[in-house]
Amino acid sequence: MKSPEVGREVERVAGRIASSAESATGGEFRTDSALGPRRWRAAVIGDYKKHNDAEGTRSALLRSMDGAGSD
């Protein structure tokens, strides 16, 4: 769970989620990833100020996560 290959895959999935959320909302999303003590972690961060709609951004992220794992 700490290998560079796993890190690239975690970053790839986070990027797909961000891209999907952007296309669903027209907003701007970014990703951040880091190697923790046990595994790689990633986050997708939405631009809440631009939309002034935290719930809408949250919904877009959740929908995006559903589709990110399928190829």
PDB file of N, CA and C in Angstrom:
ATOM      1  N   MET A   1       0.809  -1.202   0.000  1.00  0.00           N
ATOM      2  CA  MET A   1       0.000   0.000   0.000  1.00  0.00           C
ATOM      3  C   MET A   1       0.854   1.269   0.000  1.00  0.00           C
ATOM      4  N   LYS A   2       2.164   1.113   0.071  1.00  0.00           N
ATOM      5  CA  LYS A   2       3.040   2.284   0.115  1.00  0.00           C
ATOM      6  C   LYS A   2       3.935   2.404  -1.117  1.00  0.00           C
ATOM      7  N   SER A   3       3.741   1.533  -2.089  1.00  0.00           N
ATOM      8  CA  SER A   3       4.617   1.538  -3.259  1.00  0.00           C
ATOM      9  C   SER A   3       4.296   2.730  -4.175  1.00  0.00           C
ATOM     10  N   PRO A   4       5.251   3.125  -5.003  1.00  0.00           N
ATOM     11  CA  PRO A   4       4.995   4.202  -5.962  1.00  0.00           C
ATOM     12  C   PRO A   4       3.848   3.871  -6.924  1.00  0.00           C
ATOM     13  N   GLU A   5       3.708   2.600  -7.284  1.00  0.00           N
ATOM     14  CA  GLU A   5       2.624   2.198  -8.187  1.00  0.00           C
ATOM     15  C   GLU A   5       1.261   2.447  -7.551  1.00  0.00           C
ATOM     16  N   VAL A   6       1.132   2.112  -6.278  1.00  0.00           N
ATOM     17  CA  VAL A   6      -0.128   2.355  -5.576  1.00  0.00           C
ATOM     18  C   VAL A   6      -0.386   3.858  -5.495  1.00  0.00           C
ATOM     19  N   GLY A   7       0.650   4.628  -5.222  1.00  0.00           N
ATOM     20  CA  GLY A   7       0.503   6.082  -5.173  1.00  0.00           C
ATOM     21  C   GLY A   7      -0.002   6.650  -6.482  1.00  0.00           C
ATOM     22  N   ARG A   8       0.534   6.167  -7.597  1.00  0.00           N
ATOM     23  CA  ARG A   8       0.072   6.647  -8.904  1.00  0.00           C
ATOM     24  C   ARG A   8      -1.388   6.278  -9.145  1.00  0.00           C
ATOM     25  N   GLU A   9      -1.787   5.089  -8.724  1.00  0.00           N
ATOM     26  CA  GLU A   9      -3.177   4.669  -8.915  1.00  0.00           C
ATOM     27  C   GLU A   9      -4.119   5.505  -8.039  1.00  0.00           C
ATOM     28  N   VAL A  10      -3.734   5.766  -6.818  1.00  0.00           N
ATOM     29  CA  VAL A  10      -4.546   6.606  -5.930  1.00  0.00           C
ATOM     30  C   VAL A  10      -4.703   8.000  -6.546  1.00  0.00           C
ATOM     31  N   GLU A  11      -3.630   8.555  -7.044  1.00  0.00           N
ATOM     32  CA  GLU A  11      -3.682   9.870  -7.684  1.00  0.00           C
ATOM     33  C   GLU A  11      -4.530   9.847  -8.950  1.00  0.00           C
ATOM     34  N   ARG A  12      -4.451   8.770  -9.718  1.00  0.00           N
ATOM     35  CA  ARG A  12      -5.241   8.643 -10.944  1.00  0.00           C
ATOM     36  C   ARG A  12      -6.738   8.626 -10.623  1.00  0.00           C
ATOM     37  N   VAL A  13      -7.130   7.844  -9.636  1.00  0.00           N
ATOM     38  CA  VAL A  13      -8.538   7.761  -9.270  1.00  0.00           C
ATOM     39  C   VAL A  13      -9.027   9.114  -8.737  1.00  0.00           C
ATOM     40  N   ALA A  14      -8.232   9.764  -7.905  1.00  0.00           N
ATOM     41  CA  ALA A  14      -8.614  11.087  -7.396  1.00  0.00           C
ATOM     42  C   ALA A  14      -8.775  12.077  -8.557  1.00  0.00           C
ATOM     43  N   GLY A  15      -7.899  12.008  -9.527  1.00  0.00           N
ATOM     44  CA  GLY A  15      -7.999  12.876 -10.699  1.00  0.00           C
ATOM     45  C   GLY A  15      -9.265  12.627 -11.495  1.00  0.00           C
ATOM     46  N   ARG A  16      -9.646  11.360 -11.632  1.00  0.00           N
ATOM     47  CA  ARG A  16     -10.887  11.028 -12.351  1.00  0.00           C
ATOM     48  C   ARG A  16     -12.104  11.561 -11.610  1.00  0.00           C
ATOM     49  N   ILE A  17     -12.079  11.468 -10.285  1.00  0.00           N
ATOM     50  CA  ILE A  17     -13.190  11.985  -9.489  1.00  0.00           C
ATOM     51  C   ILE A  17     -13.287  13.496  -9.669  1.00  0.00           C
ATOM     52  N   ALA A  18     -12.155  14.186  -9.575  1.00  0.00           N
ATOM     53  CA  ALA A  18     -12.149  15.644  -9.733  1.00  0.00           C
ATOM     54  C   ALA A  18     -12.646  16.043 -11.116  1.00  0.00           C
ATOM     55  N   SER A  19     -12.181  15.367 -12.138  1.00  0.00           N
ATOM     56  CA  SER A  19     -12.594  15.681 -13.506  1.00  0.00           C
ATOM     57  C   SER A  19     -14.090  15.468 -13.703  1.00  0.00           C
ATOM     58  N   SER A  20     -14.599  14.376 -13.182  1.00  0.00           N
ATOM     59  CA  SER A  20     -16.021  14.080 -13.308  1.00  0.00           C
ATOM     60  C   SER A  20     -16.862  15.105 -12.551  1.00  0.00           C
ATOM     61  N   ALA A  21     -16.422  15.493 -11.357  1.00  0.00           N
ATOM     62  CA  ALA A  21     -17.155  16.492 -10.581  1.00  0.00           C
ATOM     63  C   ALA A  21     -17.139  17.841 -11.283  1.00  0.00           C
ATOM     64  N   GLU A  22     -16.008  18.196 -11.898  1.00  0.00           N
ATOM     65  CA  GLU A  22     -15.934  19.459 -12.641  1.00  0.00           C
ATOM     66  C   GLU A  22     -16.926  19.479 -13.787  1.00  0.00           C
ATOM     67  N   SER A  23     -17.003  18.390 -14.527  1.00  0.00           N
ATOM     68  CA  SER A  23     -17.912  18.363 -15.674  1.00  0.00           C
ATOM     69  C   SER A  23     -19.373  18.345 -15.220  1.00  0.00           C
ATOM     70  N   ALA A  24     -19.642  17.807 -14.041  1.00  0.00           N
ATOM     71  CA  ALA A  24     -21.020  17.759 -13.541  1.00  0.00           C
ATOM     72  C   ALA A  24     -21.486  19.104 -13.015  1.00  0.00           C
ATOM     73  N   THR A  25     -20.555  19.914 -12.492  1.00  0.00           N
ATOM     74  CA  THR A  25     -20.962  21.167 -11.850  1.00  0.00           C
ATOM     75  C   THR A  25     -20.455  22.407 -12.563  1.00  0.00           C
ATOM     76  N   GLY A  26     -19.463  22.264 -13.429  1.00  0.00           N
ATOM     77  CA  GLY A  26     -18.832  23.423 -14.024  1.00  0.00           C
ATOM     78  C   GLY A  26     -17.898  24.119 -13.057  1.00  0.00           C
ATOM     79  N   GLY A  27     -17.696  23.510 -11.906  1.00  0.00           N
ATOM     80  CA  GLY A  27     -16.832  24.096 -10.881  1.00  0.00           C
ATOM     81  C   GLY A  27     -15.393  23.696 -11.053  1.00  0.00           C
ATOM     82  N   GLU A  28     -14.592  24.105 -10.113  1.00  0.00           N
ATOM     83  CA  GLU A  28     -13.173  23.774 -10.114  1.00  0.00           C
ATOM     84  C   GLU A  28     -12.867  22.899  -8.904  1.00  0.00           C
ATOM     85  N   PHE A  29     -12.237  21.773  -9.158  1.00  0.00           N
ATOM     86  CA  PHE A  29     -11.863  20.843  -8.107  1.00  0.00           C
ATOM     87  C   PHE A  29     -10.373  20.566  -8.234  1.00  0.00           C
ATOM     88  N   ARG A  30      -9.723  20.283  -7.116  1.00  0.00           N
ATOM     89  CA  ARG A  30      -8.311  19.936  -7.160  1.00  0.00           C
ATOM     90  C   ARG A  30      -8.089  18.700  -6.307  1.00  0.00           C
ATOM     91  N   THR A  31      -6.940  18.106  -6.481  1.00  0.00           N
ATOM     92  CA  THR A  31      -6.618  16.911  -5.708  1.00  0.00           C
ATOM     93  C   THR A  31      -5.365  17.155  -4.878  1.00  0.00           C
ATOM     94  N   ASP A  32      -5.241  16.376  -3.842  1.00  0.00           N
ATOM     95  CA  ASP A  32      -4.053  16.392  -2.998  1.00  0.00           C
ATOM     96  C   ASP A  32      -3.820  14.963  -2.565  1.00  0.00           C
ATOM     97  N   SER A  33      -2.578  14.521  -2.588  1.00  0.00           N
ATOM     98  CA  SER A  33      -2.279  13.166  -2.144  1.00  0.00           C
ATOM     99  C   SER A  33      -0.987  13.164  -1.347  1.00  0.00           C
ATOM    100  N   ALA A  34      -0.876  12.173  -0.470  1.00  0.00           N
ATOM    101  CA  ALA A  34       0.315  12.062   0.368  1.00  0.00           C
ATOM    102  C   ALA A  34       0.456  10.627   0.837  1.00  0.00           C
ATOM    103  N   LEU A  35       1.687  10.256   1.088  1.00  0.00           N
ATOM    104  CA  LEU A  35       1.970   8.945   1.654  1.00  0.00           C
ATOM    105  C   LEU A  35       1.923   9.072   3.165  1.00  0.00           C
ATOM    106  N   GLY A  36       0.964   8.384   3.786  1.00  0.00           N
ATOM    107  CA  GLY A  36       0.849   8.377   5.242  1.00  0.00           C
ATOM    108  C   GLY A  36       1.692   7.270   5.835  1.00  0.00           C
ATOM    109  N   PRO A  37       1.595   7.065   7.122  1.00  0.00           N
ATOM    110  CA  PRO A  37       2.408   6.039   7.777  1.00  0.00           C
ATOM    111  C   PRO A  37       2.110   4.619   7.290  1.00  0.00           C
ATOM    112  N   ARG A  38       0.893   4.385   6.806  1.00  0.00           N
ATOM    113  CA  ARG A  38       0.516   3.028   6.391  1.00  0.00           C
ATOM    114  C   ARG A  38       0.126   2.903   4.923  1.00  0.00           C
ATOM    115  N   ARG A  39      -0.295   3.996   4.297  1.00  0.00           N
ATOM    116  CA  ARG A  39      -0.814   3.900   2.930  1.00  0.00           C
ATOM    117  C   ARG A  39      -0.889   5.280   2.292  1.00  0.00           C
ATOM    118  N   TRP A  40      -1.107   5.261   0.975  1.00  0.00           N
ATOM    119  CA  TRP A  40      -1.343   6.488   0.226  1.00  0.00           C
ATOM    120  C   TRP A  40      -2.747   6.985   0.519  1.00  0.00           C
ATOM    121  N   ARG A  41      -2.887   8.282   0.562  1.00  0.00           N
ATOM    122  CA  ARG A  41      -4.199   8.899   0.743  1.00  0.00           C
ATOM    123  C   ARG A  41      -4.346  10.029  -0.265  1.00  0.00           C
ATOM    124  N   ALA A  42      -5.568  10.262  -0.691  1.00  0.00           N
ATOM    125  CA  ALA A  42      -5.831  11.358  -1.623  1.00  0.00           C
ATOM    126  C   ALA A  42      -7.150  12.009  -1.241  1.00  0.00           C
ATOM    127  N   ALA A  43      -7.261  13.273  -1.603  1.00  0.00           N
ATOM    128  CA  ALA A  43      -8.496  14.022  -1.366  1.00  0.00           C
ATOM    129  C   ALA A  43      -8.828  14.812  -2.621  1.00  0.00           C
ATOM    130  N   VAL A  44     -10.112  14.989  -2.858  1.00  0.00           N
ATOM    131  CA  VAL A  44     -10.594  15.860  -3.916  1.00  0.00           C
ATOM    132  C   VAL A  44     -11.253  17.036  -3.213  1.00  0.00           C
ATOM    133  N   ILE A  45     -10.794  18.234  -3.531  1.00  0.00           N
ATOM    134  CA  ILE A  45     -11.253  19.430  -2.847  1.00  0.00           C
ATOM    135  C   ILE A  45     -12.047  20.282  -3.828  1.00  0.00           C
ATOM    136  N   GLY A  46     -13.260  20.668  -3.422  1.00  0.00           N
ATOM    137  CA  GLY A  46     -14.117  21.502  -4.254  1.00  0.00           C
ATOM    138  C   GLY A  46     -13.994  22.964  -3.893  1.00  0.00           C
ATOM    139  N   ASP A  47     -14.338  23.817  -4.830  1.00  0.00           N
ATOM    140  CA  ASP A  47     -14.284  25.258  -4.639  1.00  0.00           C
ATOM    141  C   ASP A  47     -15.632  25.729  -4.111  1.00  0.00           C
ATOM    142  N   TYR A  48     -15.821  25.637  -2.793  1.00  0.00           N
ATOM    143  CA  TYR A  48     -17.104  25.983  -2.189  1.00  0.00           C
ATOM    144  C   TYR A  48     -17.433  27.461  -2.311  1.00  0.00           C
ATOM    145  N   LYS A  49     -16.458  28.355  -2.261  1.00  0.00           N
ATOM    146  CA  LYS A  49     -16.722  29.787  -2.325  1.00  0.00           C
ATOM    147  C   LYS A  49     -17.325  30.171  -3.670  1.00  0.00           C
ATOM    148  N   LYS A  50     -16.806  29.571  -4.732  1.00  0.00           N
ATOM    149  CA  LYS A  50     -17.310  29.918  -6.068  1.00  0.00           C
ATOM    150  C   LYS A  50     -18.786  29.565  -6.215  1.00  0.00           C
ATOM    151  N   HIS A  51     -19.161  28.403  -5.731  1.00  0.00           N
ATOM    152  CA  HIS A  51     -20.532  27.931  -5.909  1.00  0.00           C
ATOM    153  C   HIS A  51     -21.453  28.365  -4.783  1.00  0.00           C
ATOM    154  N   ASN A  52     -20.877  28.639  -3.632  1.00  0.00           N
ATOM    155  CA  ASN A  52     -21.664  28.980  -2.452  1.00  0.00           C
ATOM    156  C   ASN A  52     -22.727  27.916  -2.218  1.00  0.00           C
ATOM    157  N   ASP A  53     -22.369  26.673  -2.506  1.00  0.00           N
ATOM    158  CA  ASP A  53     -23.315  25.572  -2.406  1.00  0.00           C
ATOM    159  C   ASP A  53     -22.570  24.309  -1.993  1.00  0.00           C
ATOM    160  N   ALA A  54     -22.264  24.204  -0.718  1.00  0.00           N
ATOM    161  CA  ALA A  54     -21.501  23.052  -0.233  1.00  0.00           C
ATOM    162  C   ALA A  54     -22.237  21.739  -0.487  1.00  0.00           C
ATOM    163  N   GLU A  55     -23.546  21.715  -0.324  1.00  0.00           N
ATOM    164  CA  GLU A  55     -24.303  20.481  -0.520  1.00  0.00           C
ATOM    165  C   GLU A  55     -24.295  20.050  -1.980  1.00  0.00           C
ATOM    166  N   GLY A  56     -24.418  21.001  -2.909  1.00  0.00           N
ATOM    167  CA  GLY A  56     -24.355  20.656  -4.326  1.00  0.00           C
ATOM    168  C   GLY A  56     -22.995  20.116  -4.715  1.00  0.00           C
ATOM    169  N   THR A  57     -21.937  20.705  -4.157  1.00  0.00           N
ATOM    170  CA  THR A  57     -20.583  20.228  -4.427  1.00  0.00           C
ATOM    171  C   THR A  57     -20.394  18.836  -3.854  1.00  0.00           C
ATOM    172  N   ARG A  58     -20.899  18.613  -2.656  1.00  0.00           N
ATOM    173  CA  ARG A  58     -20.802  17.287  -2.022  1.00  0.00           C
ATOM    174  C   ARG A  58     -21.521  16.244  -2.873  1.00  0.00           C
ATOM    175  N   SER A  59     -22.705  16.571  -3.345  1.00  0.00           N
ATOM    176  CA  SER A  59     -23.461  15.634  -4.191  1.00  0.00           C
ATOM    177  C   SER A  59     -22.700  15.304  -5.466  1.00  0.00           C
ATOM    178  N   ALA A  60     -22.088  16.318  -6.087  1.00  0.00           N
ATOM    179  CA  ALA A  60     -21.318  16.085  -7.311  1.00  0.00           C
ATOM    180  C   ALA A  60     -20.136  15.164  -7.037  1.00  0.00           C
ATOM    181  N   LEU A  61     -19.472  15.365  -5.912  1.00  0.00           N
ATOM    182  CA  LEU A  61     -18.338  14.496  -5.570  1.00  0.00           C
ATOM    183  C   LEU A  61     -18.799  13.063  -5.346  1.00  0.00           C
ATOM    184  N   LEU A  62     -19.896  12.881  -4.638  1.00  0.00           N
ATOM    185  CA  LEU A  62     -20.387  11.523  -4.381  1.00  0.00           C
ATOM    186  C   LEU A  62     -20.778  10.823  -5.677  1.00  0.00           C
ATOM    187  N   ARG A  63     -21.454  11.532  -6.582  1.00  0.00           N
ATOM    188  CA  ARG A  63     -21.812  10.935  -7.881  1.00  0.00           C
ATOM    189  C   ARG A  63     -20.556  10.578  -8.667  1.00  0.00           C
ATOM    190  N   SER A  64     -19.546  11.444  -8.597  1.00  0.00           N
ATOM    191  CA  SER A  64     -18.311  11.215  -9.335  1.00  0.00           C
ATOM    192  C   SER A  64     -17.575  10.006  -8.803  1.00  0.00           C
ATOM    193  N   MET A  65     -17.610   9.822  -7.500  1.00  0.00           N
ATOM    194  CA  MET A  65     -16.918   8.671  -6.905  1.00  0.00           C
ATOM    195  C   MET A  65     -17.559   7.361  -7.375  1.00  0.00           C
ATOM    196  N   ASP A  66     -18.868   7.350  -7.567  1.00  0.00           N
ATOM    197  CA  ASP A  66     -19.550   6.146  -8.042  1.00  0.00           C
ATOM    198  C   ASP A  66     -19.019   5.717  -9.401  1.00  0.00           C
ATOM    199  N   GLY A  67     -18.731   6.678 -10.285  1.00  0.00           N
ATOM    200  CA  GLY A  67     -18.299   6.351 -11.627  1.00  0.00           C
ATOM    201  C   GLY A  67     -16.798   6.248 -11.796  1.00  0.00           C
ATOM    202  N   ALA A  68     -16.009   6.684 -10.822  1.00  0.00           N
ATOM    203  CA  ALA A  68     -14.558   6.739 -10.993  1.00  0.00           C
ATOM    204  C   ALA A  68     -13.903   5.376 -11.038  1.00  0.00           C
ATOM    205  N   GLY A  69     -14.491   4.405 -10.392  1.00  0.00           N
ATOM    206  CA  GLY A  69     -13.854   3.092 -10.349  1.00  0.00           C
ATOM    207  C   GLY A  69     -14.100   2.243 -11.581  1.00  0.00           C
ATOM    208  N   SER A  70     -15.068   2.606 -12.391  1.00  0.00           N
ATOM    209  CA  SER A  70     -15.370   1.788 -13.569  1.00  0.00           C
ATOM    210  C   SER A  70     -14.606   2.280 -14.779  1.00  0.00           C
ATOM    211  N   ASP A  71     -14.101   1.366 -15.547  1.00  0.00           N
ATOM    212  CA  ASP A  71     -13.366   1.701 -16.781  1.00  0.00           C
ATOM    213  C   ASP A  71     -14.146   1.253 -17.986  1.00  0.00           C
TER     214      ASP A  71
END
